[in-house]
PDB file of N, CA and C in Angstrom:
ATOM      1  N   MET A   1       0.898  -1.102  -0.068  1.00  0.00           N
ATOM      2  CA  MET A   1       0.100   0.013   0.009  1.00  0.00           C
ATOM      3  C   MET A   1       0.867   1.133   0.028  1.00  0.00           C
ATOM      4  N   PHE A   2       1.629   1.454   1.095  1.00  0.00           N
ATOM      5  CA  PHE A   2       2.513   2.669   1.125  1.00  0.00           C
ATOM      6  C   PHE A   2       3.963   2.018   0.854  1.00  0.00           C
ATOM      7  N   SER A   3       4.586   2.365  -0.285  1.00  0.00           N
ATOM      8  CA  SER A   3       5.942   1.852  -0.596  1.00  0.00           C
ATOM      9  C   SER A   3       6.986   2.842  -0.119  1.00  0.00           C
ATOM     10  N   THR A   4       6.732   3.997  -0.011  1.00  0.00           N
ATOM     11  CA  THR A   4       7.780   4.985   0.415  1.00  0.00           C
ATOM     12  C   THR A   4       7.268   5.805   1.599  1.00  0.00           C
ATOM     13  N   SER A   5       8.066   6.617   2.315  1.00  0.00           N
ATOM     14  CA  SER A   5       7.599   7.450   3.385  1.00  0.00           C
ATOM     15  C   SER A   5       6.775   8.566   2.778  1.00  0.00           C
ATOM     16  N   VAL A   6       7.012   8.983   1.531  1.00  0.00           N
ATOM     17  CA  VAL A   6       6.430  10.032   0.939  1.00  0.00           C
ATOM     18  C   VAL A   6       4.862   9.585   0.668  1.00  0.00           C
ATOM     19  N   ASP A   7       4.669   8.370   0.305  1.00  0.00           N
ATOM     20  CA  ASP A   7       3.253   7.903   0.145  1.00  0.00           C
ATOM     21  C   ASP A   7       2.677   7.967   1.364  1.00  0.00           C
ATOM     22  N   LEU A   8       3.233   7.617   2.519  1.00  0.00           N
ATOM     23  CA  LEU A   8       2.634   7.525   3.841  1.00  0.00           C
ATOM     24  C   LEU A   8       2.343   9.055   4.224  1.00  0.00           C
ATOM     25  N   LEU A   9       3.222   9.896   3.986  1.00  0.00           N
ATOM     26  CA  LEU A   9       3.009  11.413   4.230  1.00  0.00           C
ATOM     27  C   LEU A   9       1.830  11.869   3.466  1.00  0.00           C
ATOM     28  N   TYR A  10       1.659  11.477   2.128  1.00  0.00           N
ATOM     29  CA  TYR A  10       0.546  11.910   1.459  1.00  0.00           C
ATOM     30  C   TYR A  10      -0.926  11.391   2.086  1.00  0.00           C
ATOM     31  N   GLY A  11      -0.681  10.110   2.442  1.00  0.00           N
ATOM     32  CA  GLY A  11      -1.962   9.449   2.981  1.00  0.00           C
ATOM     33  C   GLY A  11      -2.343  10.187   4.254  1.00  0.00           C
ATOM     34  N   VAL A  12      -1.425  10.500   5.007  1.00  0.00           N
ATOM     35  CA  VAL A  12      -1.717  11.234   6.394  1.00  0.00           C
ATOM     36  C   VAL A  12      -2.204  12.653   6.226  1.00  0.00           C
ATOM     37  N   ILE A  13      -1.576  13.276   5.123  1.00  0.00           N
ATOM     38  CA  ILE A  13      -2.230  14.550   4.699  1.00  0.00           C
ATOM     39  C   ILE A  13      -3.596  14.504   4.240  1.00  0.00           C
ATOM     40  N   ALA A  14      -3.804  13.476   3.393  1.00  0.00           N
ATOM     41  CA  ALA A  14      -5.211  13.448   2.843  1.00  0.00           C
ATOM     42  C   ALA A  14      -6.207  13.090   3.922  1.00  0.00           C
ATOM     43  N   LEU A  15      -5.809  12.180   4.840  1.00  0.00           N
ATOM     44  CA  LEU A  15      -6.727  11.817   6.015  1.00  0.00           C
ATOM     45  C   LEU A  15      -6.958  13.110   6.852  1.00  0.00           C
ATOM     46  N   SER A  16      -5.924  13.897   7.036  1.00  0.00           N
ATOM     47  CA  SER A  16      -5.973  15.166   7.956  1.00  0.00           C
ATOM     48  C   SER A  16      -6.897  16.140   7.149  1.00  0.00           C
ATOM     49  N   VAL A  17      -6.771  16.297   5.965  1.00  0.00           N
ATOM     50  CA  VAL A  17      -7.619  17.088   5.223  1.00  0.00           C
ATOM     51  C   VAL A  17      -9.139  16.761   5.146  1.00  0.00           C
ATOM     52  N   LEU A  18      -9.184  15.513   5.141  1.00  0.00           N
ATOM     53  CA  LEU A  18     -10.641  14.857   5.243  1.00  0.00           C
ATOM     54  C   LEU A  18     -11.289  15.077   6.570  1.00  0.00           C
ATOM     55  N   VAL A  19     -10.569  14.889   7.645  1.00  0.00           N
ATOM     56  CA  VAL A  19     -11.036  15.086   8.960  1.00  0.00           C
ATOM     57  C   VAL A  19     -11.203  16.663   9.206  1.00  0.00           C
ATOM     58  N   PHE A  20     -10.338  17.396   8.756  1.00  0.00           N
ATOM     59  CA  PHE A  20     -10.506  18.857   8.813  1.00  0.00           C
ATOM     60  C   PHE A  20     -11.804  19.366   8.043  1.00  0.00           C
ATOM     61  N   THR A  21     -11.987  18.822   7.006  1.00  0.00           N
ATOM     62  CA  THR A  21     -13.136  19.239   6.211  1.00  0.00           C
ATOM     63  C   THR A  21     -14.383  18.743   6.802  1.00  0.00           C
ATOM     64  N   ALA A  22     -14.325  17.569   7.530  1.00  0.00           N
ATOM     65  CA  ALA A  22     -15.719  17.238   8.225  1.00  0.00           C
ATOM     66  C   ALA A  22     -15.871  18.000   9.352  1.00  0.00           C
ATOM     67  N   PHE A  23     -14.871  18.408  10.011  1.00  0.00           N
ATOM     68  CA  PHE A  23     -14.915  19.329  11.219  1.00  0.00           C
ATOM     69  C   PHE A  23     -15.451  20.712  10.841  1.00  0.00           C
ATOM     70  N   LEU A  24     -15.088  21.219   9.728  1.00  0.00           N
ATOM     71  CA  LEU A  24     -15.633  22.600   9.103  1.00  0.00           C
ATOM     72  C   LEU A  24     -16.983  22.288   8.740  1.00  0.00           C
ATOM     73  N   VAL A  25     -17.401  21.320   8.116  1.00  0.00           N
ATOM     74  CA  VAL A  25     -18.789  21.036   7.835  1.00  0.00           C
ATOM     75  C   VAL A  25     -19.734  21.058   9.081  1.00  0.00           C
ATOM     76  N   TRP A  26     -19.290  20.279  10.128  1.00  0.00           N
ATOM     77  CA  TRP A  26     -19.932  20.240  11.263  1.00  0.00           C
ATOM     78  C   TRP A  26     -20.011  21.546  12.001  1.00  0.00           C
ATOM     79  N   ILE A  27     -18.919  22.310  11.848  1.00  0.00           N
ATOM     80  CA  ILE A  27     -19.020  23.781  12.370  1.00  0.00           C
ATOM     81  C   ILE A  27     -20.111  24.570  11.666  1.00  0.00           C
ATOM     82  N   MET A  28     -19.976  24.511  10.349  1.00  0.00           N
ATOM     83  CA  MET A  28     -20.967  25.292   9.558  1.00  0.00           C
ATOM     84  C   MET A  28     -22.390  24.968   9.756  1.00  0.00           C
ATOM     85  N   TYR A  29     -22.600  23.560  10.002  1.00  0.00           N
ATOM     86  CA  TYR A  29     -23.939  23.137  10.320  1.00  0.00           C
ATOM     87  C   TYR A  29     -24.503  23.911  11.605  1.00  0.00           C
ATOM     88  N   TYR A  30     -23.603  23.794  12.726  1.00  0.00           N
ATOM     89  CA  TYR A  30     -24.057  24.336  13.888  1.00  0.00           C
ATOM     90  C   TYR A  30     -24.170  26.017  13.790  1.00  0.00           C
ATOM     91  N   ILE A  31     -23.381  26.535  12.993  1.00  0.00           N
ATOM     92  CA  ILE A  31     -23.479  28.059  12.868  1.00  0.00           C
ATOM     93  C   ILE A  31     -24.794  28.257  12.064  1.00  0.00           C
ATOM     94  N   ALA A  32     -25.143  27.426  11.101  1.00  0.00           N
ATOM     95  CA  ALA A  32     -26.549  27.622  10.490  1.00  0.00           C
ATOM     96  C   ALA A  32     -27.605  27.443  11.318  1.00  0.00           C
ATOM     97  N   GLN A  33     -27.523  26.498  12.321  1.00  0.00           N
ATOM     98  CA  GLN A  33     -28.551  26.284  13.275  1.00  0.00           C
ATOM     99  C   GLN A  33     -28.733  27.592  14.184  1.00  0.00           C
ATOM    100  N   ILE A  34     -27.580  28.095  14.714  1.00  0.00           N
ATOM    101  CA  ILE A  34     -27.609  29.255  15.527  1.00  0.00           C
ATOM    102  C   ILE A  34     -28.285  30.395  14.800  1.00  0.00           C
ATOM    103  N   LEU A  35     -27.875  30.655  13.617  1.00  0.00           N
ATOM    104  CA  LEU A  35     -28.350  31.694  12.817  1.00  0.00           C
ATOM    105  C   LEU A  35     -29.928  31.592  12.593  1.00  0.00           C
ATOM    106  N   ARG A  36     -30.340  30.349  12.337  1.00  0.00           N
ATOM    107  CA  ARG A  36     -31.694  30.058  12.090  1.00  0.00           C
ATOM    108  C   ARG A  36     -32.518  30.415  13.344  1.00  0.00           C
ATOM    109  N   GLN A  37     -31.925  29.899  14.595  1.00  0.00           N
ATOM    110  CA  GLN A  37     -32.633  30.238  15.853  1.00  0.00           C
ATOM    111  C   GLN A  37     -32.622  31.674  16.116  1.00  0.00           C
ATOM    112  N   GLY A  38     -31.488  32.315  15.751  1.00  0.00           N
ATOM    113  CA  GLY A  38     -31.509  33.812  15.917  1.00  0.00           C
ATOM    114  C   GLY A  38     -32.574  34.489  15.197  1.00  0.00           C
ATOM    115  N   ASN A  39     -32.749  34.090  13.972  1.00  0.00           N
ATOM    116  CA  ASN A  39     -33.778  34.688  12.991  1.00  0.00           C
ATOM    117  C   ASN A  39     -35.225  34.351  13.581  1.00  0.00           C
ATOM    118  N   GLU A  40     -35.398  33.228  14.092  1.00  0.00           N
ATOM    119  CA  GLU A  40     -36.663  32.963  14.741  1.00  0.00           C
ATOM    120  C   GLU A  40     -36.922  33.934  15.992  1.00  0.00           C
ATOM    121  N   VAL A  41     -35.886  34.205  16.754  1.00  0.00           N
ATOM    122  CA  VAL A  41     -35.952  35.097  17.895  1.00  0.00           C
ATOM    123  C   VAL A  41     -36.316  36.429  17.401  1.00  0.00           C
ATOM    124  N   ILE A  42     -35.652  36.931  16.363  1.00  0.00           N
ATOM    125  CA  ILE A  42     -35.939  38.164  15.858  1.00  0.00           C
ATOM    126  C   ILE A  42     -37.336  38.253  15.428  1.00  0.00           C
ATOM    127  N   ILE A  43     -37.799  37.346  14.719  1.00  0.00           N
ATOM    128  CA  ILE A  43     -39.238  37.335  14.171  1.00  0.00           C
ATOM    129  C   ILE A  43     -40.173  37.453  15.350  1.00  0.00           C
ATOM    130  N   GLU A  44     -39.908  36.710  16.419  1.00  0.00           N
ATOM    131  CA  GLU A  44     -40.815  36.801  17.641  1.00  0.00           C
ATOM    132  C   GLU A  44     -40.575  38.104  18.355  1.00  0.00           C
ATOM    133  N   ILE A  45     -39.518  38.681  18.380  1.00  0.00           N
ATOM    134  CA  ILE A  45     -39.374  39.977  18.899  1.00  0.00           C
ATOM    135  C   ILE A  45     -40.134  41.089  18.174  1.00  0.00           C
ATOM    136  N   ARG A  46     -39.966  40.945  16.919  1.00  0.00           N
ATOM    137  CA  ARG A  46     -40.903  41.816  15.938  1.00  0.00           C
ATOM    138  C   ARG A  46     -42.418  41.805  16.209  1.00  0.00           C
ATOM    139  N   GLU A  47     -42.778  40.533  16.373  1.00  0.00           N
ATOM    140  CA  GLU A  47     -44.192  40.269  16.614  1.00  0.00           C
ATOM    141  C   GLU A  47     -44.568  40.934  17.891  1.00  0.00           C
ATOM    142  N   LYS A  48     -43.718  40.628  19.094  1.00  0.00           N
ATOM    143  CA  LYS A  48     -44.168  41.154  20.346  1.00  0.00           C
ATOM    144  C   LYS A  48     -44.099  42.761  20.284  1.00  0.00           C
ATOM    145  N   ILE A  49     -43.084  43.358  19.523  1.00  0.00           N
ATOM    146  CA  ILE A  49     -43.066  44.845  19.476  1.00  0.00           C
ATOM    147  C   ILE A  49     -44.352  45.255  18.723  1.00  0.00           C
ATOM    148  N   GLU A  50     -44.748  44.593  17.786  1.00  0.00           N
ATOM    149  CA  GLU A  50     -46.022  44.997  16.934  1.00  0.00           C
ATOM    150  C   GLU A  50     -47.224  44.843  17.807  1.00  0.00           C
ATOM    151  N   GLU A  51     -47.274  43.818  18.649  1.00  0.00           N
ATOM    152  CA  GLU A  51     -48.435  43.717  19.580  1.00  0.00           C
ATOM    153  C   GLU A  51     -48.349  44.913  20.732  1.00  0.00           C
ATOM    154  N   PHE A  52     -47.135  45.111  21.170  1.00  0.00           N
ATOM    155  CA  PHE A  52     -47.077  46.146  22.148  1.00  0.00           C
ATOM    156  C   PHE A  52     -47.472  47.594  21.481  1.00  0.00           C
ATOM    157  N   THR A  53     -47.112  47.747  20.377  1.00  0.00           N
ATOM    158  CA  THR A  53     -47.448  49.076  19.597  1.00  0.00           C
ATOM    159  C   THR A  53     -48.861  49.136  19.517  1.00  0.00           C
ATOM    160  N   GLU A  54     -49.507  47.994  19.088  1.00  0.00           N
ATOM    161  CA  GLU A  54     -51.036  47.945  18.873  1.00  0.00           C
ATOM    162  C   GLU A  54     -51.582  48.247  20.251  1.00  0.00           C
ATOM    163  N   THR A  55     -51.187  47.592  21.243  1.00  0.00           N
ATOM    164  CA  THR A  55     -51.791  47.877  22.586  1.00  0.00           C
ATOM    165  C   THR A  55     -51.711  49.269  23.068  1.00  0.00           C
ATOM    166  N   LEU A  56     -50.429  49.925  22.805  1.00  0.00           N
ATOM    167  CA  LEU A  56     -50.249  51.304  23.207  1.00  0.00           C
ATOM    168  C   LEU A  56     -51.256  52.232  22.288  1.00  0.00           C
ATOM    169  N   ASP A  57     -51.430  51.882  20.926  1.00  0.00           N
ATOM    170  CA  ASP A  57     -52.355  52.604  20.170  1.00  0.00           C
ATOM    171  C   ASP A  57     -53.767  52.562  20.866  1.00  0.00           C
ATOM    172  N   GLU A  58     -54.175  51.324  21.120  1.00  0.00           N
ATOM    173  CA  GLU A  58     -55.553  51.206  21.764  1.00  0.00           C
ATOM    174  C   GLU A  58     -55.640  52.000  23.075  1.00  0.00           C
ATOM    175  N   ILE A  59     -54.607  51.961  23.893  1.00  0.00           N
ATOM    176  CA  ILE A  59     -54.668  52.650  25.122  1.00  0.00           C
ATOM    177  C   ILE A  59     -54.733  54.103  24.825  1.00  0.00           C
ATOM    178  N   LYS A  60     -54.016  54.643  23.781  1.00  0.00           N
ATOM    179  CA  LYS A  60     -53.958  56.039  23.482  1.00  0.00           C
ATOM    180  C   LYS A  60     -55.488  56.438  23.078  1.00  0.00           C
ATOM    181  N   ASP A  61     -55.964  55.548  22.173  1.00  0.00           N
ATOM    182  CA  ASP A  61     -57.374  55.915  21.661  1.00  0.00           C
ATOM    183  C   ASP A  61     -58.331  55.964  22.731  1.00  0.00           C
ATOM    184  N   LYS A  62     -58.334  55.183  23.750  1.00  0.00           N
ATOM    185  CA  LYS A  62     -59.241  55.060  24.944  1.00  0.00           C
ATOM    186  C   LYS A  62     -58.988  56.307  25.850  1.00  0.00           C
ATOM    187  N   VAL A  63     -57.693  56.656  26.056  1.00  0.00           N
ATOM    188  CA  VAL A  63     -57.373  57.827  26.818  1.00  0.00           C
ATOM    189  C   VAL A  63     -57.997  59.080  26.034  1.00  0.00           C
ATOM    190  N   LEU A  64     -57.749  59.156  24.818  1.00  0.00           N
ATOM    191  CA  LEU A  64     -58.253  60.347  24.098  1.00  0.00           C
ATOM    192  C   LEU A  64     -59.746  60.441  24.163  1.00  0.00           C
ATOM    193  N   ALA A  65     -60.425  59.236  23.975  1.00  0.00           N
ATOM    194  CA  ALA A  65     -61.926  59.180  24.113  1.00  0.00           C
ATOM    195  C   ALA A  65     -62.408  59.642  25.433  1.00  0.00           C
ATOM    196  N   SER A  66     -61.699  59.175  26.475  1.00  0.00           N
ATOM    197  CA  SER A  66     -62.042  59.488  27.864  1.00  0.00           C
ATOM    198  C   SER A  66     -61.669  61.044  28.016  1.00  0.00           C
ATOM    199  N   ALA A  67     -60.728  61.538  27.462  1.00  0.00           N
ATOM    200  CA  ALA A  67     -60.427  62.980  27.648  1.00  0.00           C
ATOM    201  C   ALA A  67     -61.420  63.815  26.903  1.00  0.00           C
ATOM    202  N   ASN A  68     -61.949  63.297  25.776  1.00  0.00           N
ATOM    203  CA  ASN A  68     -62.978  64.130  25.023  1.00  0.00           C
ATOM    204  C   ASN A  68     -64.228  63.968  25.872  1.00  0.00           C
ATOM    205  N   SER A  69     -64.626  62.928  26.517  1.00  0.00           N
ATOM    206  CA  SER A  69     -65.755  62.704  27.212  1.00  0.00           C
ATOM    207  C   SER A  69     -65.663  63.674  28.466  1.00  0.00           C
ATOM    208  N   ILE A  70     -64.471  63.635  29.084  1.00  0.00           N
ATOM    209  CA  ILE A  70     -64.366  64.377  30.283  1.00  0.00           C
ATOM    210  C   ILE A  70     -64.521  65.947  29.927  1.00  0.00           C
ATOM    211  N   SER A  71     -63.863  66.307  28.802  1.00  0.00           N
ATOM    212  CA  SER A  71     -64.066  67.651  28.373  1.00  0.00           C
ATOM    213  C   SER A  71     -65.440  68.119  28.025  1.00  0.00           C
ATOM    214  N   PHE A  72     -66.257  67.105  27.421  1.00  0.00           N
ATOM    215  CA  PHE A  72     -67.588  67.508  27.178  1.00  0.00           C
ATOM    216  C   PHE A  72     -68.454  67.570  28.506  1.00  0.00           C
ATOM    217  N   VAL A  73     -68.108  66.677  29.448  1.00  0.00           N
ATOM    218  CA  VAL A  73     -68.878  66.758  30.565  1.00  0.00           C
ATOM    219  C   VAL A  73     -68.430  68.031  31.361  1.00  0.00           C
ATOM    220  N   ALA A  74     -67.149  68.321  31.390  1.00  0.00           N
ATOM    221  CA  ALA A  74     -66.795  69.610  32.098  1.00  0.00           C
ATOM    222  C   ALA A  74     -67.412  70.861  31.397  1.00  0.00           C
ATOM    223  N   SER A  75     -67.482  70.873  30.101  1.00  0.00           N
ATOM    224  CA  SER A  75     -68.203  72.090  29.516  1.00  0.00           C
ATOM    225  C   SER A  75     -69.692  72.050  29.872  1.00  0.00           C
ATOM    226  N   GLN A  76     -70.285  70.919  29.905  1.00  0.00           N
ATOM    227  CA  GLN A  76     -71.743  70.898  30.322  1.00  0.00           C
ATOM    228  C   GLN A  76     -71.932  71.379  31.682  1.00  0.00           C
ATOM    229  N   ILE A  77     -70.970  70.907  32.646  1.00  0.00           N
ATOM    230  CA  ILE A  77     -71.110  71.289  34.059  1.00  0.00           C
ATOM    231  C   ILE A  77     -70.810  72.905  34.100  1.00  0.00           C
ATOM    232  N   GLY A  78     -69.848  73.292  33.260  1.00  0.00           N
ATOM    233  CA  GLY A  78     -69.611  74.775  33.250  1.00  0.00           C
ATOM    234  C   GLY A  78     -70.842  75.536  32.806  1.00  0.00           C
ATOM    235  N   GLY A  79     -71.648  74.939  31.922  1.00  0.00           N
ATOM    236  CA  GLY A  79     -72.884  75.573  31.458  1.00  0.00           C
ATOM    237  C   GLY A  79     -73.907  75.536  32.621  1.00  0.00           C
ATOM    238  N   VAL A  80     -74.001  74.513  33.276  1.00  0.00           N
ATOM    239  CA  VAL A  80     -75.028  74.392  34.422  1.00  0.00           C
ATOM    240  C   VAL A  80     -74.581  75.429  35.487  1.00  0.00           C
ATOM    241  N   VAL A  81     -73.278  75.431  35.929  1.00  0.00           N
ATOM    242  CA  VAL A  81     -72.755  76.460  36.948  1.00  0.00           C
ATOM    243  C   VAL A  81     -73.051  77.818  36.387  1.00  0.00           C
ATOM    244  N   ASP A  82     -72.897  78.148  35.154  1.00  0.00           N
ATOM    245  CA  ASP A  82     -73.145  79.544  34.628  1.00  0.00           C
ATOM    246  C   ASP A  82     -74.626  79.812  34.902  1.00  0.00           C
ATOM    247  N   PHE A  83     -75.483  78.757  34.410  1.00  0.00           N
ATOM    248  CA  PHE A  83     -76.942  78.912  34.533  1.00  0.00           C
ATOM    249  C   PHE A  83     -77.371  79.198  36.070  1.00  0.00           C
ATOM    250  N   ILE A  84     -76.769  78.494  36.977  1.00  0.00           N
ATOM    251  CA  ILE A  84     -77.147  78.568  38.388  1.00  0.00           C
ATOM    252  C   ILE A  84     -76.511  79.932  38.804  1.00  0.00           C
ATOM    253  N   GLN A  85     -75.505  80.377  38.463  1.00  0.00           N
ATOM    254  CA  GLN A  85     -74.850  81.688  38.839  1.00  0.00           C
ATOM    255  C   GLN A  85     -75.770  82.878  38.239  1.00  0.00           C
ATOM    256  N   GLU A  86     -76.255  82.700  37.110  1.00  0.00           N
ATOM    257  CA  GLU A  86     -77.188  83.737  36.463  1.00  0.00           C
ATOM    258  C   GLU A  86     -78.369  83.695  37.192  1.00  0.00           C
ATOM    259  N   ARG A  87     -79.030  82.645  37.717  1.00  0.00           N
ATOM    260  CA  ARG A  87     -80.273  82.526  38.447  1.00  0.00           C
ATOM    261  C   ARG A  87     -80.073  83.205  39.841  1.00  0.00           C
ATOM    262  N   LYS A  88     -78.898  82.888  40.374  1.00  0.00           N
ATOM    263  CA  LYS A  88     -78.537  83.715  41.729  1.00  0.00           C
ATOM    264  C   LYS A  88     -78.475  85.180  41.522  1.00  0.00           C
ATOM    265  N   ASP A  89     -77.796  85.554  40.516  1.00  0.00           N
ATOM    266  CA  ASP A  89     -77.708  86.988  40.267  1.00  0.00           C
ATOM    267  C   ASP A  89     -78.900  87.566  40.019  1.00  0.00           C
ATOM    268  N   ARG A  90     -79.812  86.944  39.307  1.00  0.00           N
ATOM    269  CA  ARG A  90     -81.286  87.518  39.104  1.00  0.00           C
ATOM    270  C   ARG A  90     -82.045  87.550  40.393  1.00  0.00           C
ATOM    271  N   LYS A  91     -81.937  86.539  41.279  1.00  0.00           N
ATOM    272  CA  LYS A  91     -82.535  86.631  42.407  1.00  0.00           C
ATOM    273  C   LYS A  91     -82.008  87.707  43.332  1.00  0.00           C
ATOM    274  N   THR A  92     -80.710  87.882  43.260  1.00  0.00           N
ATOM    275  CA  THR A  92     -80.048  88.992  44.049  1.00  0.00           C
ATOM    276  C   THR A  92     -80.537  90.343  43.593  1.00  0.00           C
ATOM    277  N   VAL A  93     -80.606  90.473  42.257  1.00  0.00           N
ATOM    278  CA  VAL A  93     -80.948  91.844  41.736  1.00  0.00           C
ATOM    279  C   VAL A  93     -82.462  92.086  42.141  1.00  0.00           C
ATOM    280  N   ARG A  94     -83.249  91.215  42.064  1.00  0.00           N
ATOM    281  CA  ARG A  94     -84.735  91.269  42.414  1.00  0.00           C
ATOM    282  C   ARG A  94     -84.811  91.685  43.960  1.00  0.00           C
ATOM    283  N   LYS A  95     -83.997  91.076  44.718  1.00  0.00           N
ATOM    284  CA  LYS A  95     -84.067  91.328  46.148  1.00  0.00           C
ATOM    285  C   LYS A  95     -83.619  92.705  46.486  1.00  0.00           C
ATOM    286  N   ARG A  96     -82.599  93.194  45.899  1.00  0.00           N
ATOM    287  CA  ARG A  96     -82.047  94.478  46.179  1.00  0.00           C
ATOM    288  C   ARG A  96     -83.061  95.646  46.170  1.00  0.00           C
ATOM    289  N   PRO A  97     -83.725  95.878  45.032  1.00  0.00           N
ATOM    290  CA  PRO A  97     -84.745  96.931  44.976  1.00  0.00           C
ATOM    291  C   PRO A  97     -85.768  96.807  46.021  1.00  0.00           C
ATOM    292  N   SER A  98     -86.351  95.668  46.254  1.00  0.00           N
ATOM    293  CA  SER A  98     -87.423  95.521  47.259  1.00  0.00           C
ATOM    294  C   SER A  98     -86.916  95.675  48.606  1.00  0.00           C
ATOM    295  N   SER A  99     -85.668  95.374  48.911  1.00  0.00           N
ATOM    296  CA  SER A  99     -85.158  95.642  50.331  1.00  0.00           C
ATOM    297  C   SER A  99     -84.850  97.046  50.709  1.00  0.00           C
ATOM    298  N   LYS A 100     -84.659  97.974  49.646  1.00  0.00           N
ATOM    299  CA  LYS A 100     -84.451  99.305  49.855  1.00  0.00           C
ATOM    300  C   LYS A 100     -85.604 100.122  50.286  1.00  0.00           C
ATOM    301  N   LYS A 101     -86.759  99.597  49.986  1.00  0.00           N
ATOM    302  CA  LYS A 101     -88.034 100.268  50.292  1.00  0.00           C
ATOM    303  C   LYS A 101     -88.384 100.221  51.788  1.00  0.00           C
TER     304      LYS A 101
END
């Protein structure tokens, strides 16, 4: 099989290259798996961020709706207070001339 030491050297080099190639293929496979898992994690993070953004938008809409409702109620209460104040002023104006007599 090996007639000279050079043939033995070439055989050992060929075997070493074969083992090294197998090792590189094994490393590339695991790197591909890690990258695939990283891609899945990034996709999940994007989905969570999108859900979070949608939730924040819903909360913002509800807060704005509540603020508009409170603003409307406050303006109506202001109208009622003005009406009551006018009635008090009218009663006060009516009482003043009659109390001077």
